[in-house]
PDB file of N, CA and C in Angstrom:
ATOM      1  N   UNK A   1      93.997  58.193  93.480  1.00  0.00           N
ATOM      2  CA  UNK A   1      94.779  58.734  94.571  1.00  0.00           C
ATOM      3  C   UNK A   1      95.971  59.512  94.009  1.00  0.00           C
ATOM      4  N   UNK A   2      96.172  60.709  94.512  1.00  0.00           N
ATOM      5  CA  UNK A   2      97.273  61.548  94.042  1.00  0.00           C
ATOM      6  C   UNK A   2      98.566  61.158  94.740  1.00  0.00           C
ATOM      7  N   UNK A   3      99.601  61.096  93.961  1.00  0.00           N
ATOM      8  CA  UNK A   3     100.918  60.785  94.516  1.00  0.00           C
ATOM      9  C   UNK A   3     101.720  62.071  94.673  1.00  0.00           C
ATOM     10  N   UNK A   4     102.859  61.962  95.328  1.00  0.00           N
ATOM     11  CA  UNK A   4     103.741  63.123  95.452  1.00  0.00           C
ATOM     12  C   UNK A   4     104.151  63.629  94.072  1.00  0.00           C
ATOM     13  N   UNK A   5     104.379  62.724  93.141  1.00  0.00           N
ATOM     14  CA  UNK A   5     104.764  63.123  91.781  1.00  0.00           C
ATOM     15  C   UNK A   5     103.634  63.895  91.099  1.00  0.00           C
ATOM     16  N   UNK A   6     102.393  63.487  91.327  1.00  0.00           N
ATOM     17  CA  UNK A   6     101.243  64.197  90.746  1.00  0.00           C
ATOM     18  C   UNK A   6     101.151  65.626  91.279  1.00  0.00           C
ATOM     19  N   UNK A   7     101.500  65.797  92.531  1.00  0.00           N
ATOM     20  CA  UNK A   7     101.454  67.115  93.148  1.00  0.00           C
ATOM     21  C   UNK A   7     102.637  67.958  92.683  1.00  0.00           C
ATOM     22  N   UNK A   8     103.803  67.341  92.570  1.00  0.00           N
ATOM     23  CA  UNK A   8     105.025  68.074  92.217  1.00  0.00           C
ATOM     24  C   UNK A   8     105.065  68.481  90.743  1.00  0.00           C
ATOM     25  N   UNK A   9     104.499  67.675  89.870  1.00  0.00           N
ATOM     26  CA  UNK A   9     104.609  67.925  88.429  1.00  0.00           C
ATOM     27  C   UNK A   9     104.166  69.329  88.012  1.00  0.00           C
ATOM     28  N   UNK A  10     102.971  69.807  88.407  1.00  0.00           N
ATOM     29  CA  UNK A  10     102.591  71.168  87.992  1.00  0.00           C
ATOM     30  C   UNK A  10     103.470  72.242  88.628  1.00  0.00           C
ATOM     31  N   UNK A  11     103.988  71.974  89.806  1.00  0.00           N
ATOM     32  CA  UNK A  11     104.879  72.939  90.450  1.00  0.00           C
ATOM     33  C   UNK A  11     106.187  73.071  89.681  1.00  0.00           C
ATOM     34  N   UNK A  12     106.732  71.951  89.271  1.00  0.00           N
ATOM     35  CA  UNK A  12     107.975  71.961  88.496  1.00  0.00           C
ATOM     36  C   UNK A  12     107.734  72.623  87.146  1.00  0.00           C
ATOM     37  N   UNK A  13     106.614  72.315  86.514  1.00  0.00           N
ATOM     38  CA  UNK A  13     106.279  72.931  85.221  1.00  0.00           C
ATOM     39  C   UNK A  13     106.201  74.446  85.359  1.00  0.00           C
ATOM     40  N   UNK A  14     105.501  74.944  86.389  1.00  0.00           N
ATOM     41  CA  UNK A  14     105.399  76.393  86.597  1.00  0.00           C
ATOM     42  C   UNK A  14     106.771  77.012  86.798  1.00  0.00           C
ATOM     43  N   UNK A  15     107.606  76.386  87.604  1.00  0.00           N
ATOM     44  CA  UNK A  15     108.939  76.940  87.863  1.00  0.00           C
ATOM     45  C   UNK A  15     109.761  76.998  86.582  1.00  0.00           C
ATOM     46  N   UNK A  16     109.704  75.969  85.773  1.00  0.00           N
ATOM     47  CA  UNK A  16     110.490  75.945  84.533  1.00  0.00           C
ATOM     48  C   UNK A  16     109.977  76.969  83.522  1.00  0.00           C
ATOM     49  N   UNK A  17     108.664  77.125  83.421  1.00  0.00           N
ATOM     50  CA  UNK A  17     108.105  78.135  82.515  1.00  0.00           C
ATOM     51  C   UNK A  17     108.462  79.535  83.027  1.00  0.00           C
ATOM     52  N   UNK A  18     108.337  79.752  84.337  1.00  0.00           N
ATOM     53  CA  UNK A  18     108.648  81.061  84.919  1.00  0.00           C
ATOM     54  C   UNK A  18     110.096  81.456  84.669  1.00  0.00           C
ATOM     55  N   UNK A  19     110.989  80.488  84.730  1.00  0.00           N
ATOM     56  CA  UNK A  19     112.415  80.750  84.526  1.00  0.00           C
ATOM     57  C   UNK A  19     112.813  80.775  83.052  1.00  0.00           C
ATOM     58  N   UNK A  20     111.874  80.469  82.178  1.00  0.00           N
ATOM     59  CA  UNK A  20     112.171  80.491  80.749  1.00  0.00           C
ATOM     60  C   UNK A  20     112.803  79.215  80.231  1.00  0.00           C
ATOM     61  N   UNK A  21     112.772  78.156  81.017  1.00  0.00           N
ATOM     62  CA  UNK A  21     113.346  76.889  80.577  1.00  0.00           C
ATOM     63  C   UNK A  21     112.389  76.092  79.706  1.00  0.00           C
ATOM     64  N   UNK A  22     111.112  76.424  79.753  1.00  0.00           N
ATOM     65  CA  UNK A  22     110.114  75.788  78.891  1.00  0.00           C
ATOM     66  C   UNK A  22     109.335  76.887  78.212  1.00  0.00           C
ATOM     67  N   UNK A  23     108.756  76.560  77.079  1.00  0.00           N
ATOM     68  CA  UNK A  23     108.056  77.579  76.302  1.00  0.00           C
ATOM     69  C   UNK A  23     109.042  78.262  75.376  1.00  0.00           C
ATOM     70  N   UNK A  24     108.624  79.349  74.785  1.00  0.00           N
ATOM     71  CA  UNK A  24     109.471  80.086  73.849  1.00  0.00           C
ATOM     72  C   UNK A  24     110.656  80.687  74.599  1.00  0.00           C
ATOM     73  N   UNK A  25     111.824  80.585  74.013  1.00  0.00           N
ATOM     74  CA  UNK A  25     113.053  81.106  74.632  1.00  0.00           C
ATOM     75  C   UNK A  25     112.963  82.617  74.821  1.00  0.00           C
ATOM     76  N   UNK A  26     113.590  83.129  75.862  1.00  0.00           N
ATOM     77  CA  UNK A  26     113.489  84.545  76.190  1.00  0.00           C
ATOM     78  C   UNK A  26     114.070  85.436  75.100  1.00  0.00           C
ATOM     79  N   UNK A  27     115.001  84.944  74.332  1.00  0.00           N
ATOM     80  CA  UNK A  27     115.627  85.783  73.304  1.00  0.00           C
ATOM     81  C   UNK A  27     114.835  85.766  71.993  1.00  0.00           C
ATOM     82  N   UNK A  28     113.858  84.867  71.873  1.00  0.00           N
ATOM     83  CA  UNK A  28     113.018  84.815  70.683  1.00  0.00           C
ATOM     84  C   UNK A  28     111.831  85.758  70.840  1.00  0.00           C
ATOM     85  N   UNK A  29     111.288  86.178  69.707  1.00  0.00           N
ATOM     86  CA  UNK A  29     110.091  87.015  69.759  1.00  0.00           C
ATOM     87  C   UNK A  29     108.945  86.201  70.346  1.00  0.00           C
ATOM     88  N   UNK A  30     108.252  86.798  71.313  1.00  0.00           N
ATOM     89  CA  UNK A  30     107.159  86.099  71.995  1.00  0.00           C
ATOM     90  C   UNK A  30     105.832  86.763  71.658  1.00  0.00           C
ATOM     91  N   UNK A  31     104.799  85.951  71.675  1.00  0.00           N
ATOM     92  CA  UNK A  31     103.454  86.482  71.479  1.00  0.00           C
ATOM     93  C   UNK A  31     102.895  86.928  72.826  1.00  0.00           C
ATOM     94  N   UNK A  32     101.778  87.631  72.791  1.00  0.00           N
ATOM     95  CA  UNK A  32     101.124  88.026  74.040  1.00  0.00           C
ATOM     96  C   UNK A  32     100.721  86.790  74.835  1.00  0.00           C
ATOM     97  N   UNK A  33     100.291  85.722  74.153  1.00  0.00           N
ATOM     98  CA  UNK A  33      99.910  84.504  74.865  1.00  0.00           C
ATOM     99  C   UNK A  33     101.117  83.875  75.549  1.00  0.00           C
ATOM    100  N   UNK A  34     102.288  83.916  74.902  1.00  0.00           N
ATOM    101  CA  UNK A  34     103.514  83.428  75.545  1.00  0.00           C
ATOM    102  C   UNK A  34     103.774  84.199  76.840  1.00  0.00           C
ATOM    103  N   UNK A  35     103.624  85.530  76.778  1.00  0.00           N
ATOM    104  CA  UNK A  35     103.824  86.357  77.969  1.00  0.00           C
ATOM    105  C   UNK A  35     102.785  86.041  79.038  1.00  0.00           C
ATOM    106  N   UNK A  36     101.541  85.857  78.628  1.00  0.00           N
ATOM    107  CA  UNK A  36     100.483  85.496  79.594  1.00  0.00           C
ATOM    108  C   UNK A  36     100.811  84.180  80.295  1.00  0.00           C
ATOM    109  N   UNK A  37     101.207  83.183  79.511  1.00  0.00           N
ATOM    110  CA  UNK A  37     101.531  81.877  80.094  1.00  0.00           C
ATOM    111  C   UNK A  37     102.687  81.984  81.081  1.00  0.00           C
ATOM    112  N   UNK A  38     103.697  82.746  80.696  1.00  0.00           N
ATOM    113  CA  UNK A  38     104.863  82.881  81.572  1.00  0.00           C
ATOM    114  C   UNK A  38     104.507  83.666  82.832  1.00  0.00           C
ATOM    115  N   UNK A  39     103.709  84.714  82.701  1.00  0.00           N
ATOM    116  CA  UNK A  39     103.295  85.471  83.882  1.00  0.00           C
ATOM    117  C   UNK A  39     102.452  84.622  84.831  1.00  0.00           C
ATOM    118  N   UNK A  40     101.520  83.853  84.291  1.00  0.00           N
ATOM    119  CA  UNK A  40     100.688  82.997  85.142  1.00  0.00           C
ATOM    120  C   UNK A  40     101.547  81.970  85.884  1.00  0.00           C
ATOM    121  N   UNK A  41     102.467  81.344  85.172  1.00  0.00           N
ATOM    122  CA  UNK A  41     103.358  80.364  85.804  1.00  0.00           C
ATOM    123  C   UNK A  41     104.227  81.035  86.858  1.00  0.00           C
ATOM    124  N   UNK A  42     104.687  82.241  86.574  1.00  0.00           N
ATOM    125  CA  UNK A  42     105.537  82.971  87.520  1.00  0.00           C
ATOM    126  C   UNK A  42     104.767  83.329  88.782  1.00  0.00           C
ATOM    127  N   UNK A  43     103.547  83.803  88.630  1.00  0.00           N
ATOM    128  CA  UNK A  43     102.723  84.144  89.794  1.00  0.00           C
ATOM    129  C   UNK A  43     102.511  82.909  90.658  1.00  0.00           C
ATOM    130  N   UNK A  44     102.126  81.792  90.041  1.00  0.00           N
ATOM    131  CA  UNK A  44     101.900  80.567  90.814  1.00  0.00           C
ATOM    132  C   UNK A  44     103.176  80.094  91.505  1.00  0.00           C
ATOM    133  N   UNK A  45     104.296  80.104  90.783  1.00  0.00           N
ATOM    134  CA  UNK A  45     105.565  79.629  91.353  1.00  0.00           C
ATOM    135  C   UNK A  45     106.021  80.519  92.512  1.00  0.00           C
ATOM    136  N   UNK A  46     105.939  81.835  92.329  1.00  0.00           N
ATOM    137  CA  UNK A  46     106.363  82.736  93.402  1.00  0.00           C
ATOM    138  C   UNK A  46     105.482  82.578  94.643  1.00  0.00           C
ATOM    139  N   UNK A  47     104.181  82.449  94.452  1.00  0.00           N
ATOM    140  CA  UNK A  47     103.295  82.298  95.605  1.00  0.00           C
ATOM    141  C   UNK A  47     103.533  80.970  96.322  1.00  0.00           C
ATOM    142  N   UNK A  48     103.768  79.915  95.584  1.00  0.00           N
ATOM    143  CA  UNK A  48     104.087  78.634  96.235  1.00  0.00           C
ATOM    144  C   UNK A  48     105.375  78.757  97.033  1.00  0.00           C
ATOM    145  N   UNK A  49     106.356  79.416  96.447  1.00  0.00           N
ATOM    146  CA  UNK A  49     107.653  79.562  97.107  1.00  0.00           C
ATOM    147  C   UNK A  49     107.553  80.399  98.377  1.00  0.00           C
ATOM    148  N   UNK A  50     106.737  81.412  98.355  1.00  0.00           N
ATOM    149  CA  UNK A  50     106.652  82.332  99.496  1.00  0.00           C
ATOM    150  C   UNK A  50     105.668  81.897 100.561  1.00  0.00           C
ATOM    151  N   UNK A  51     104.970  80.807 100.332  1.00  0.00           N
ATOM    152  CA  UNK A  51     104.068  80.288 101.361  1.00  0.00           C
ATOM    153  C   UNK A  51     102.925  81.231 101.668  1.00  0.00           C
ATOM    154  N   UNK A  52     102.854  81.705 102.895  1.00  0.00           N
ATOM    155  CA  UNK A  52     101.761  82.573 103.346  1.00  0.00           C
ATOM    156  C   UNK A  52     101.936  84.022 102.889  1.00  0.00           C
ATOM    157  N   UNK A  53     103.110  84.390 102.409  1.00  0.00           N
ATOM    158  CA  UNK A  53     103.383  85.777 102.035  1.00  0.00           C
ATOM    159  C   UNK A  53     102.773  86.120 100.677  1.00  0.00           C
ATOM    160  N   UNK A  54     102.540  87.406 100.481  1.00  0.00           N
ATOM    161  CA  UNK A  54     101.983  87.896  99.224  1.00  0.00           C
ATOM    162  C   UNK A  54     103.102  88.380  98.307  1.00  0.00           C
ATOM    163  N   UNK A  55     102.740  88.590  97.054  1.00  0.00           N
ATOM    164  CA  UNK A  55     103.667  89.171  96.085  1.00  0.00           C
ATOM    165  C   UNK A  55     102.986  90.356  95.411  1.00  0.00           C
ATOM    166  N   UNK A  56     103.777  91.151  94.761  1.00  0.00           N
ATOM    167  CA  UNK A  56     103.275  92.265  93.963  1.00  0.00           C
ATOM    168  C   UNK A  56     103.237  91.812  92.500  1.00  0.00           C
ATOM    169  N   UNK A  57     102.282  92.278  91.712  1.00  0.00           N
ATOM    170  CA  UNK A  57     102.305  91.922  90.293  1.00  0.00           C
ATOM    171  C   UNK A  57     103.640  92.269  89.626  1.00  0.00           C
ATOM    172  N   UNK A  58     104.319  93.296  90.126  1.00  0.00           N
ATOM    173  CA  UNK A  58     105.611  93.661  89.539  1.00  0.00           C
ATOM    174  C   UNK A  58     106.673  92.596  89.794  1.00  0.00           C
ATOM    175  N   UNK A  59     106.533  91.802  90.860  1.00  0.00           N
ATOM    176  CA  UNK A  59     107.476  90.696  91.086  1.00  0.00           C
ATOM    177  C   UNK A  59     107.416  89.711  89.924  1.00  0.00           C
ATOM    178  N   UNK A  60     106.199  89.410  89.483  1.00  0.00           N
ATOM    179  CA  UNK A  60     106.028  88.494  88.349  1.00  0.00           C
ATOM    180  C   UNK A  60     106.523  89.132  87.060  1.00  0.00           C
ATOM    181  N   UNK A  61     106.204  90.409  86.859  1.00  0.00           N
ATOM    182  CA  UNK A  61     106.646  91.102  85.639  1.00  0.00           C
ATOM    183  C   UNK A  61     108.165  91.173  85.568  1.00  0.00           C
ATOM    184  N   UNK A  62     108.813  91.438  86.697  1.00  0.00           N
ATOM    185  CA  UNK A  62     110.285  91.501  86.723  1.00  0.00           C
ATOM    186  C   UNK A  62     110.892  90.139  86.400  1.00  0.00           C
ATOM    187  N   UNK A  63     110.321  89.086  86.943  1.00  0.00           N
ATOM    188  CA  UNK A  63     110.835  87.746  86.685  1.00  0.00           C
ATOM    189  C   UNK A  63     110.637  87.359  85.229  1.00  0.00           C
ATOM    190  N   UNK A  64     109.462  87.626  84.697  1.00  0.00           N
ATOM    191  CA  UNK A  64     109.148  87.219  83.328  1.00  0.00           C
ATOM    192  C   UNK A  64     109.723  88.150  82.276  1.00  0.00           C
ATOM    193  N   UNK A  65     109.876  89.435  82.609  1.00  0.00           N
ATOM    194  CA  UNK A  65     110.240  90.411  81.592  1.00  0.00           C
ATOM    195  C   UNK A  65     111.659  90.921  81.614  1.00  0.00           C
ATOM    196  N   UNK A  66     112.403  90.600  82.655  1.00  0.00           N
ATOM    197  CA  UNK A  66     113.774  91.088  82.732  1.00  0.00           C
ATOM    198  C   UNK A  66     113.821  92.604  82.695  1.00  0.00           C
ATOM    199  N   UNK A  67     114.730  93.143  81.889  1.00  0.00           N
ATOM    200  CA  UNK A  67     114.909  94.590  81.820  1.00  0.00           C
ATOM    201  C   UNK A  67     113.690  95.327  81.268  1.00  0.00           C
ATOM    202  N   UNK A  68     112.867  94.640  80.499  1.00  0.00           N
ATOM    203  CA  UNK A  68     111.688  95.296  79.923  1.00  0.00           C
ATOM    204  C   UNK A  68     110.414  94.944  80.705  1.00  0.00           C
ATOM    205  N   UNK A  69     110.554  94.750  82.014  1.00  0.00           N
ATOM    206  CA  UNK A  69     109.438  94.312  82.849  1.00  0.00           C
ATOM    207  C   UNK A  69     108.288  95.305  82.889  1.00  0.00           C
ATOM    208  N   UNK A  70     108.566  96.573  82.781  1.00  0.00           N
ATOM    209  CA  UNK A  70     107.492  97.568  82.896  1.00  0.00           C
ATOM    210  C   UNK A  70     106.425  97.405  81.811  1.00  0.00           C
ATOM    211  N   UNK A  71     106.832  96.969  80.623  1.00  0.00           N
ATOM    212  CA  UNK A  71     105.847  96.785  79.546  1.00  0.00           C
ATOM    213  C   UNK A  71     104.872  95.659  79.878  1.00  0.00           C
ATOM    214  N   UNK A  72     105.254  94.762  80.797  1.00  0.00           N
ATOM    215  CA  UNK A  72     104.395  93.639  81.167  1.00  0.00           C
ATOM    216  C   UNK A  72     103.418  93.953  82.301  1.00  0.00           C
ATOM    217  N   UNK A  73     103.531  95.118  82.923  1.00  0.00           N
ATOM    218  CA  UNK A  73     102.683  95.410  84.079  1.00  0.00           C
ATOM    219  C   UNK A  73     101.178  95.374  83.777  1.00  0.00           C
ATOM    220  N   UNK A  74     100.694  96.002  82.707  1.00  0.00           N
ATOM    221  CA  UNK A  74      99.257  95.886  82.443  1.00  0.00           C
ATOM    222  C   UNK A  74      98.831  94.431  82.210  1.00  0.00           C
ATOM    223  N   UNK A  75      99.666  93.679  81.519  1.00  0.00           N
ATOM    224  CA  UNK A  75      99.357  92.272  81.259  1.00  0.00           C
ATOM    225  C   UNK A  75      99.414  91.460  82.553  1.00  0.00           C
ATOM    226  N   UNK A  76     100.344  91.786  83.440  1.00  0.00           N
ATOM    227  CA  UNK A  76     100.440  91.080  84.727  1.00  0.00           C
ATOM    228  C   UNK A  76      99.157  91.267  85.530  1.00  0.00           C
ATOM    229  N   UNK A  77      98.591  92.458  85.493  1.00  0.00           N
ATOM    230  CA  UNK A  77      97.322  92.695  86.200  1.00  0.00           C
ATOM    231  C   UNK A  77      96.171  91.936  85.536  1.00  0.00           C
ATOM    232  N   UNK A  78      96.176  91.850  84.207  1.00  0.00           N
ATOM    233  CA  UNK A  78      95.143  91.068  83.502  1.00  0.00           C
ATOM    234  C   UNK A  78      95.250  89.584  83.861  1.00  0.00           C
ATOM    235  N   UNK A  79      96.456  89.072  83.878  1.00  0.00           N
ATOM    236  CA  UNK A  79      96.674  87.665  84.220  1.00  0.00           C
ATOM    237  C   UNK A  79      96.246  87.411  85.669  1.00  0.00           C
ATOM    238  N   UNK A  80      96.578  88.343  86.563  1.00  0.00           N
ATOM    239  CA  UNK A  80      96.160  88.214  87.961  1.00  0.00           C
ATOM    240  C   UNK A  80      94.636  88.186  88.064  1.00  0.00           C
ATOM    241  N   UNK A  81      93.957  89.004  87.277  1.00  0.00           N
ATOM    242  CA  UNK A  81      92.490  89.014  87.292  1.00  0.00           C
ATOM    243  C   UNK A  81      91.936  87.656  86.873  1.00  0.00           C
ATOM    244  N   UNK A  82      92.511  87.069  85.834  1.00  0.00           N
ATOM    245  CA  UNK A  82      92.046  85.754  85.364  1.00  0.00           C
ATOM    246  C   UNK A  82      92.313  84.681  86.412  1.00  0.00           C
ATOM    247  N   UNK A  83      93.484  84.707  87.030  1.00  0.00           N
ATOM    248  CA  UNK A  83      93.803  83.721  88.070  1.00  0.00           C
ATOM    249  C   UNK A  83      92.884  83.884  89.278  1.00  0.00           C
ATOM    250  N   UNK A  84      92.530  85.127  89.601  1.00  0.00           N
ATOM    251  CA  UNK A  84      91.612  85.376  90.719  1.00  0.00           C
ATOM    252  C   UNK A  84      90.216  84.844  90.402  1.00  0.00           C
ATOM    253  N   UNK A  85      89.756  85.051  89.166  1.00  0.00           N
ATOM    254  CA  UNK A  85      88.435  84.527  88.767  1.00  0.00           C
ATOM    255  C   UNK A  85      88.380  83.010  88.886  1.00  0.00           C
ATOM    256  N   UNK A  86      89.529  82.357  88.636  1.00  0.00           N
ATOM    257  CA  UNK A  86      89.592  80.889  88.718  1.00  0.00           C
ATOM    258  C   UNK A  86      89.850  80.378  90.130  1.00  0.00           C
ATOM    259  N   UNK A  87      90.015  81.278  91.106  1.00  0.00           N
ATOM    260  CA  UNK A  87      90.245  80.873  92.488  1.00  0.00           C
ATOM    261  C   UNK A  87      91.681  80.462  92.778  1.00  0.00           C
ATOM    262  N   UNK A  88      92.580  80.684  91.828  1.00  0.00           N
ATOM    263  CA  UNK A  88      93.980  80.304  92.009  1.00  0.00           C
ATOM    264  C   UNK A  88      94.675  81.281  92.953  1.00  0.00           C
ATOM    265  N   UNK A  89      94.328  82.557  92.846  1.00  0.00           N
ATOM    266  CA  UNK A  89      94.915  83.574  93.711  1.00  0.00           C
ATOM    267  C   UNK A  89      93.820  84.471  94.255  1.00  0.00           C
ATOM    268  N   UNK A  90      94.193  85.285  95.226  1.00  0.00           N
ATOM    269  CA  UNK A  90      93.357  86.380  95.706  1.00  0.00           C
ATOM    270  C   UNK A  90      94.124  87.665  95.455  1.00  0.00           C
ATOM    271  N   UNK A  91      93.400  88.707  95.097  1.00  0.00           N
ATOM    272  CA  UNK A  91      94.004  90.024  94.936  1.00  0.00           C
ATOM    273  C   UNK A  91      93.565  90.848  96.144  1.00  0.00           C
ATOM    274  N   UNK A  92      94.547  91.461  96.799  1.00  0.00           N
ATOM    275  CA  UNK A  92      94.256  92.225  98.010  1.00  0.00           C
ATOM    276  C   UNK A  92      94.773  93.658  97.894  1.00  0.00           C
ATOM    277  N   UNK A  93      94.010  94.519  98.511  1.00  0.00           N
ATOM    278  CA  UNK A  93      94.433  95.911  98.659  1.00  0.00           C
ATOM    279  C   UNK A  93      94.100  96.302 100.084  1.00  0.00           C
ATOM    280  N   UNK A  94      95.103  96.758 100.798  1.00  0.00           N
ATOM    281  CA  UNK A  94      94.949  97.071 102.225  1.00  0.00           C
ATOM    282  C   UNK A  94      94.393  95.870 102.983  1.00  0.00           C
ATOM    283  N   UNK A  95      94.879  94.710 102.613  1.00  0.00           N
ATOM    284  CA  UNK A  95      94.537  93.423 103.239  1.00  0.00           C
ATOM    285  C   UNK A  95      93.083  92.992 103.038  1.00  0.00           C
ATOM    286  N   UNK A  96      92.373  93.627 102.133  1.00  0.00           N
ATOM    287  CA  UNK A  96      91.004  93.243 101.783  1.00  0.00           C
ATOM    288  C   UNK A  96      91.015  92.634 100.384  1.00  0.00           C
ATOM    289  N   UNK A  97      90.247  91.569 100.170  1.00  0.00           N
ATOM    290  CA  UNK A  97      90.143  90.969  98.847  1.00  0.00           C
ATOM    291  C   UNK A  97      89.356  91.918  97.943  1.00  0.00           C
ATOM    292  N   UNK A  98      89.927  92.196  96.760  1.00  0.00           N
ATOM    293  CA  UNK A  98      89.321  93.142  95.819  1.00  0.00           C
ATOM    294  C   UNK A  98      89.319  92.548  94.413  1.00  0.00           C
ATOM    295  N   UNK A  99      88.536  93.167  93.555  1.00  0.00           N
ATOM    296  CA  UNK A  99      88.542  92.845  92.131  1.00  0.00           C
ATOM    297  C   UNK A  99      89.562  93.762  91.476  1.00  0.00           C
ATOM    298  N   UNK A 100      90.639  93.195  90.978  1.00  0.00           N
ATOM    299  CA  UNK A 100      91.738  93.995  90.426  1.00  0.00           C
ATOM    300  C   UNK A 100      91.301  94.856  89.248  1.00  0.00           C
ATOM    301  N   UNK A 101      90.221  94.473  88.582  1.00  0.00           N
ATOM    302  CA  UNK A 101      89.748  95.269  87.455  1.00  0.00           C
ATOM    303  C   UNK A 101      88.980  96.512  87.923  1.00  0.00           C
ATOM    304  N   UNK A 102      88.643  96.560  89.208  1.00  0.00           N
ATOM    305  CA  UNK A 102      87.836  97.662  89.730  1.00  0.00           C
ATOM    306  C   UNK A 102      88.612  98.603  90.651  1.00  0.00           C
ATOM    307  N   UNK A 103      89.862  98.289  90.950  1.00  0.00           N
ATOM    308  CA  UNK A 103      90.633  99.135  91.866  1.00  0.00           C
ATOM    309  C   UNK A 103      91.830  99.745  91.152  1.00  0.00           C
ATOM    310  N   UNK A 104      92.270 100.853  91.691  1.00  0.00           N
ATOM    311  CA  UNK A 104      93.482 101.512  91.196  1.00  0.00           C
ATOM    312  C   UNK A 104      94.514 101.436  92.298  1.00  0.00           C
ATOM    313  N   UNK A 105      95.755 101.581  91.904  1.00  0.00           N
ATOM    314  CA  UNK A 105      96.814 101.622  92.888  1.00  0.00           C
ATOM    315  C   UNK A 105      97.413 100.257  93.168  1.00  0.00           C
ATOM    316  N   UNK A 106      98.297 100.220  94.152  1.00  0.00           N
ATOM    317  CA  UNK A 106      99.026  98.989  94.432  1.00  0.00           C
ATOM    318  C   UNK A 106      98.129  97.895  94.999  1.00  0.00           C
ATOM    319  N   UNK A 107      98.403  96.687  94.564  1.00  0.00           N
ATOM    320  CA  UNK A 107      97.703  95.507  95.073  1.00  0.00           C
ATOM    321  C   UNK A 107      98.747  94.442  95.411  1.00  0.00           C
ATOM    322  N   UNK A 108      98.315  93.465  96.170  1.00  0.00           N
ATOM    323  CA  UNK A 108      99.156  92.317  96.506  1.00  0.00           C
ATOM    324  C   UNK A 108      98.408  91.067  96.059  1.00  0.00           C
ATOM    325  N   UNK A 109      99.165  90.054  95.682  1.00  0.00           N
ATOM    326  CA  UNK A 109      98.596  88.779  95.253  1.00  0.00           C
ATOM    327  C   UNK A 109      98.892  87.735  96.315  1.00  0.00           C
ATOM    328  N   UNK A 110      97.893  86.938  96.640  1.00  0.00           N
ATOM    329  CA  UNK A 110      98.026  85.879  97.645  1.00  0.00           C
ATOM    330  C   UNK A 110      97.522  84.576  97.048  1.00  0.00           C
ATOM    331  N   UNK A 111      98.012  83.477  97.577  1.00  0.00           N
ATOM    332  CA  UNK A 111      97.547  82.162  97.127  1.00  0.00           C
ATOM    333  C   UNK A 111      96.067  82.020  97.440  1.00  0.00           C
ATOM    334  N   UNK A 112      95.314  81.513  96.465  1.00  0.00           N
ATOM    335  CA  UNK A 112      93.892  81.253  96.647  1.00  0.00           C
ATOM    336  C   UNK A 112      93.657  79.785  96.921  1.00  0.00           C
ATOM    337  N   UNK A 113      92.412  79.401  97.097  1.00  0.00           N
ATOM    338  CA  UNK A 113      92.101  78.012  97.447  1.00  0.00           C
ATOM    339  C   UNK A 113      92.549  76.990  96.403  1.00  0.00           C
ATOM    340  N   UNK A 114      92.476  77.321  95.132  1.00  0.00           N
ATOM    341  CA  UNK A 114      92.871  76.365  94.091  1.00  0.00           C
ATOM    342  C   UNK A 114      94.377  76.145  94.056  1.00  0.00           C
ATOM    343  N   UNK A 115      95.160  77.144  94.433  1.00  0.00           N
ATOM    344  CA  UNK A 115      96.615  77.012  94.441  1.00  0.00           C
ATOM    345  C   UNK A 115      97.067  76.223  95.656  1.00  0.00           C
ATOM    346  N   UNK A 116      96.417  76.426  96.783  1.00  0.00           N
ATOM    347  CA  UNK A 116      96.847  75.777  98.020  1.00  0.00           C
ATOM    348  C   UNK A 116      96.439  74.306  98.077  1.00  0.00           C
ATOM    349  N   UNK A 117      95.562  73.882  97.175  1.00  0.00           N
ATOM    350  CA  UNK A 117      95.165  72.465  97.152  1.00  0.00           C
ATOM    351  C   UNK A 117      96.281  71.566  96.649  1.00  0.00           C
ATOM    352  N   UNK A 118      97.285  72.179  95.982  1.00  0.00           N
ATOM    353  CA  UNK A 118      98.411  71.364  95.492  1.00  0.00           C
ATOM    354  C   UNK A 118      98.167  70.904  94.176  1.00  0.00           C
TER     355      UNK A 118
END
């Protein structure tokens, strides 16, 4: 049986990683995997926080990348694709679910079934 603590633990972990409190420090040199982990945690944390609302991949890149967020945009889309494949999020364009690897232009990210399960 899952307890409130079991449900809260991954949420707290995502928030701390997204904010840079866990993992490699923001001022240290990071690997691509460090950036991927932080972007994934940021996407999950932002979607949980916003409830039914969607986010833009740039919201995650801005949170994870600070002033150099633009360099993270291609990686943010790759991370979103992986999260979508796992059912954690949905990628939408014009309110239709799409494969982010097959579309161009702006997309929105929404919580998927795996994220909403808690």
